Amino acid sequence: QELRPKSLDIKQEELGDMVEKEMASTSEAIEDAVRRIEEMMSQARNESSGVKLEVNERILNSCTDLMKAIRLLVLTSTNLQKEIVESGRGAATTQEFYAKNSRWTEGLISASKAVGWGATQLVESADRVVLHTGKYEELIVCSHEIAASTAQLVAASKVKAEKSSRNLGRLQECSRNVNEMAANVVASTKSGQEQIEEKDTMDFSGMSLIKLKKEEMETQVKVLELEKRLEGERVRLGALRKQHYALAGAYEVTEDGEARPAPAPRRGILKKPPLAQKP
């Protein structure tokens, strides 16, 4: 709900103030995320040891590196926006520039919100993983979401930026760095999961032929049940994405900066769309 465009509730002359407010809010959320990770690191060192401490430190260190990369991305994006406004507003005021380009401004606000939200969710997921109350998969999904929202922010900024802009080049470099750090979070999470989770020995040496056959049939039933459940969840995920795009009012941006409604997706296709710059 927070990520939905607020253009119907906010006057156009207020859009400029909202851009600055959201960018500041995103920066604050990232700073808070860094502080929370430092606190989690200290707590993990006091309450865990051995393999658990090693895994927790590796995951939290990768999350810290990702937060630092996001912080630099937001700072560079803010500088690029100032450059865009100064070079494009002419005799108009900053507020008038944002109001004149309201759809672009809305996209910028939405992208900034998505980045800050992703960072917050990542820290919350990391906290649950360290406390052994969450799932490692949550961290992986959050990392993918951050990569996607980063691509959204770069795309929104690129629409109005000059191709020769140094700040644009820096922003794209920051985006690549964020993707690399997000990939590191995924890698450290997967390796940590393999170290922590207990593996079944699967020792069947003492089973009789009848017992083995019974276990085999029960396992086949479980496999079929899981496959059916997986297919149902994929259909549900596709329907959720379709509704998300509809509520968000997805649109395409042309080369001259004009926004137009995106073509409606074909019915019956519920596969996950590819994420831009996905690690």
Foldseek 3Di string as FASTA:
>chain_A
DVLAQCPVPDDLLCLLVLLVVLLVVLLVLLVVLLVLLVVLLVVLVVPDDDLLNVLLVQLSVLLNQLSVLLNQLSVLLVVLVVVLQVVPVVPHDSSVVCSVLVVLSSLLSSLSNQLSVLNNQLSVQSSCVSVVNHDLVSNLVSLQSNLQSLVSNLVSSVLRGDPPDPSNVVSVVSSLSSQVSSVSSNVSSVVSCVVPDDDDPPDCPPDDPVRVVVVVVVVVVVVVVVVVVVVVVLQVQLVVVLVVCVSNQDWDADSNGDTDGDDRDDPPDSGDDDGPSGD
